[in-house]
Amino acid sequence: MINAMQMNANLTNTKKNLLKVVKYVDGDGIIGKELYSKSEYEIRLYGIDAPEIKNCPKIIKDERELQMPAALLMKLGYLSYDFFRSLISIGETFTLKQELNNLNDRYGRHLGYIELENGTTINEIMIKEGYAKPYNEVFCEMLPLYQEWNLQAKINSKGLYAQVDRF
């Protein structure tokens, strides 16, 4: 099996930018500021989906599809959000890696992998630790590994899977 460091190193057609964290949006999004241009923008983490933290159309959709109350989903969303914030601090520098064929989502947010100084990605950690699930609606090169790691997190009752069997 190929490991994540090899997969991350072999991502094809990528763009990299150095940014710092300005603000957290939720469990799978932040506002980043480029160190050189000083541009600020929202970044949605590739290939992962964390539960919502506020009432919105997506939580209504999730409530219906998962047959779980919105209040429980938002509670799980805050657990995911808190875990995400424990991985990277406001003002901390990171590398944004983007696949050139998939730079933005339909809402105009930048899509990317948030790579820490040690070379791991927050996307990977969130999945492996059970605080996010794979997001299948937009393909990214890491999606097959994210699906494997999610299954392992679920089997081992990690993160949110310690409380629910799906989210």
Foldseek 3Di string as FASTA:
>chain_A
DDDPLVLVVPFPQKDKFKWFFAAADFLFKGWTAGPPPRDIFMEGEPFKAAQDQDDDPVLVVCCVVVVHDSVVSNVLRVLSRVVLCVVHDGGDMWMWMDHPVCQADPVRGGYTWTADPVGDTSRVVCLLQQRIATDDPDDDSCNVVSNVSNVVCLVVCGRCNVPPNDD
